[in-house]
Amino acid sequence: MACVGKDKQGNILFIHCRSPYSVHTFIDILLAAPLDIYNMMYLEGGAEASLYMNHNGFKIGQMGSYETGFIQDDNQRSFWKMPNIIGITKK
C-alpha cells in the first residue's frame, strides 16, 4: 500500500507497506504509531504500489506485492510500469 499524508507539524509523509494488510488494519497501525498524522490519502495497493526516492545520497526503492485474486504471493521483486508519478523538485 502506498499513501501520502501530513503530520500535525506540517511534514509530508510518504508511506509504503509491502505487507498485505486490509486498509482498515493499516489505518489502525498508522494511527497507533507515533507519527502525529493529521491527514492521509490512499494512493495505490497491491503489486502496483511503489515508493522510490533518491535524494542527497539516500536511495530507497520499494514495490508492492500480494494482491487478492491477482498476485497471491510475495514474489514480486521489480517495479511495474507506472502511469502515475508524484515528482518533487526544489524551486
C-alpha atoms as a PDB file:
ATOM      1  CA  MET A   1       0.000   0.000   0.000  1.00  0.00           C
ATOM      2  CA  ALA A   2       1.254   3.478  -0.836  1.00  0.00           C
ATOM      3  CA  CYS A   3      -0.037   6.623   0.900  1.00  0.00           C
ATOM      4  CA  VAL A   4       0.905  10.259   1.241  1.00  0.00           C
ATOM      5  CA  GLY A   5      -0.008  12.269   4.300  1.00  0.00           C
ATOM      6  CA  LYS A   6       0.801  15.175   6.550  1.00  0.00           C
ATOM      7  CA  ASP A   7       1.556  15.266  10.252  1.00  0.00           C
ATOM      8  CA  LYS A   8       0.383  17.903  12.733  1.00  0.00           C
ATOM      9  CA  GLN A   9       3.708  19.760  12.371  1.00  0.00           C
ATOM     10  CA  GLY A  10       3.183  20.152   8.602  1.00  0.00           C
ATOM     11  CA  ASN A  11       5.686  17.495   7.475  1.00  0.00           C
ATOM     12  CA  ILE A  12       4.785  15.469   4.387  1.00  0.00           C
ATOM     13  CA  LEU A  13       4.813  11.692   4.926  1.00  0.00           C
ATOM     14  CA  PHE A  14       5.379   9.187   2.121  1.00  0.00           C
ATOM     15  CA  ILE A  15       4.301   5.804   3.455  1.00  0.00           C
ATOM     16  CA  HIS A  16       4.724   2.378   1.857  1.00  0.00           C
ATOM     17  CA  CYS A  17       3.874  -1.030   3.268  1.00  0.00           C
ATOM     18  CA  ARG A  18       4.570  -4.293   1.428  1.00  0.00           C
ATOM     19  CA  SER A  19       2.630  -6.476   3.883  1.00  0.00           C
ATOM     20  CA  PRO A  20      -0.907  -7.408   2.794  1.00  0.00           C
ATOM     21  CA  TYR A  21      -2.945  -5.612   5.448  1.00  0.00           C
ATOM     22  CA  SER A  22      -6.517  -4.557   4.859  1.00  0.00           C
ATOM     23  CA  VAL A  23      -6.924  -0.787   4.538  1.00  0.00           C
ATOM     24  CA  HIS A  24      -8.705  -0.629   7.911  1.00  0.00           C
ATOM     25  CA  THR A  25      -5.945  -2.595   9.681  1.00  0.00           C
ATOM     26  CA  PHE A  26      -3.253  -0.435   8.061  1.00  0.00           C
ATOM     27  CA  ILE A  27      -5.022   2.744   9.211  1.00  0.00           C
ATOM     28  CA  ASP A  28      -5.169   1.377  12.762  1.00  0.00           C
ATOM     29  CA  ILE A  29      -1.423   0.592  12.644  1.00  0.00           C
ATOM     30  CA  LEU A  30      -0.580   4.105  11.440  1.00  0.00           C
ATOM     31  CA  LEU A  31      -2.818   5.803  13.998  1.00  0.00           C
ATOM     32  CA  ALA A  32      -1.156   3.784  16.787  1.00  0.00           C
ATOM     33  CA  ALA A  33       2.335   4.816  15.580  1.00  0.00           C
ATOM     34  CA  PRO A  34       3.958   7.995  16.967  1.00  0.00           C
ATOM     35  CA  LEU A  35       3.550   9.835  13.641  1.00  0.00           C
ATOM     36  CA  ASP A  36       1.028  12.503  14.709  1.00  0.00           C
ATOM     37  CA  ILE A  37      -0.841  12.059  11.406  1.00  0.00           C
ATOM     38  CA  TYR A  38      -3.190  14.923  10.560  1.00  0.00           C
ATOM     39  CA  ASN A  39      -4.475  13.592   7.240  1.00  0.00           C
ATOM     40  CA  MET A  40      -3.554  10.926   4.699  1.00  0.00           C
ATOM     41  CA  MET A  41      -4.559   9.831   1.207  1.00  0.00           C
ATOM     42  CA  TYR A  42      -4.505   6.273  -0.121  1.00  0.00           C
ATOM     43  CA  LEU A  43      -2.616   6.167  -3.443  1.00  0.00           C
ATOM     44  CA  GLU A  44      -2.383   2.519  -4.514  1.00  0.00           C
ATOM     45  CA  GLY A  45      -2.348  -1.008  -3.173  1.00  0.00           C
ATOM     46  CA  GLY A  46      -1.095  -4.444  -4.136  1.00  0.00           C
ATOM     47  CA  ALA A  47       1.673  -5.174  -6.628  1.00  0.00           C
ATOM     48  CA  GLU A  48       1.342  -1.752  -8.279  1.00  0.00           C
ATOM     49  CA  ALA A  49       2.023   0.225  -5.068  1.00  0.00           C
ATOM     50  CA  SER A  50       5.596   1.522  -5.168  1.00  0.00           C
ATOM     51  CA  LEU A  51       7.883   4.022  -3.468  1.00  0.00           C
ATOM     52  CA  TYR A  52      11.151   5.254  -4.963  1.00  0.00           C
ATOM     53  CA  MET A  53      13.249   8.075  -3.534  1.00  0.00           C
ATOM     54  CA  ASN A  54      16.730   9.283  -4.428  1.00  0.00           C
ATOM     55  CA  HIS A  55      17.848  12.389  -2.533  1.00  0.00           C
ATOM     56  CA  ASN A  56      21.287  13.556  -1.336  1.00  0.00           C
ATOM     57  CA  GLY A  57      22.783  10.061  -1.438  1.00  0.00           C
ATOM     58  CA  PHE A  58      19.773   8.429   0.245  1.00  0.00           C
ATOM     59  CA  LYS A  59      18.084   5.977  -2.085  1.00  0.00           C
ATOM     60  CA  ILE A  60      15.147   3.667  -1.409  1.00  0.00           C
ATOM     61  CA  GLY A  61      13.049   1.564  -3.736  1.00  0.00           C
ATOM     62  CA  GLN A  62      10.103  -0.487  -2.509  1.00  0.00           C
ATOM     63  CA  MET A  63       7.433  -2.232  -4.548  1.00  0.00           C
ATOM     64  CA  GLY A  64       4.157  -3.789  -3.582  1.00  0.00           C
ATOM     65  CA  SER A  65       3.462  -7.495  -3.559  1.00  0.00           C
ATOM     66  CA  TYR A  66       0.420  -9.544  -2.561  1.00  0.00           C
ATOM     67  CA  GLU A  67      -2.944  -8.709  -4.105  1.00  0.00           C
ATOM     68  CA  THR A  68      -6.046 -10.841  -3.582  1.00  0.00           C
ATOM     69  CA  GLY A  69      -7.213 -12.549  -6.771  1.00  0.00           C
ATOM     70  CA  PHE A  70      -4.239 -11.230  -8.769  1.00  0.00           C
ATOM     71  CA  ILE A  71      -0.776 -11.919  -7.308  1.00  0.00           C
ATOM     72  CA  GLN A  72      -1.353 -14.020  -4.211  1.00  0.00           C
ATOM     73  CA  ASP A  73       2.271 -14.457  -3.139  1.00  0.00           C
ATOM     74  CA  ASP A  74       5.252 -12.360  -2.028  1.00  0.00           C
ATOM     75  CA  ASN A  75       7.456 -12.960  -5.089  1.00  0.00           C
ATOM     76  CA  GLN A  76       7.078  -9.529  -6.755  1.00  0.00           C
ATOM     77  CA  ARG A  77      10.629  -8.089  -6.882  1.00  0.00           C
ATOM     78  CA  SER A  78      10.516  -5.500  -9.667  1.00  0.00           C
ATOM     79  CA  PHE A  79       8.710  -2.236 -10.300  1.00  0.00           C
ATOM     80  CA  TRP A  80       5.693  -2.146 -12.578  1.00  0.00           C
ATOM     81  CA  LYS A  81       5.451   0.453 -15.315  1.00  0.00           C
ATOM     82  CA  MET A  82       3.948   3.430 -13.518  1.00  0.00           C
ATOM     83  CA  PRO A  83       1.204   5.518 -15.096  1.00  0.00           C
ATOM     84  CA  ASN A  84       1.004   7.811 -12.033  1.00  0.00           C
ATOM     85  CA  ILE A  85       4.077   9.501 -10.602  1.00  0.00           C
ATOM     86  CA  ILE A  86       4.446  12.191  -7.940  1.00  0.00           C
ATOM     87  CA  GLY A  87       7.684  14.048  -8.613  1.00  0.00           C
ATOM     88  CA  ILE A  88       9.165  16.711  -6.350  1.00  0.00           C
ATOM     89  CA  THR A  89      11.975  19.130  -7.165  1.00  0.00           C
ATOM     90  CA  LYS A  90      13.450  22.060  -5.289  1.00  0.00           C
ATOM     91  CA  LYS A  91      12.367  25.517  -6.514  1.00  0.00           C
END
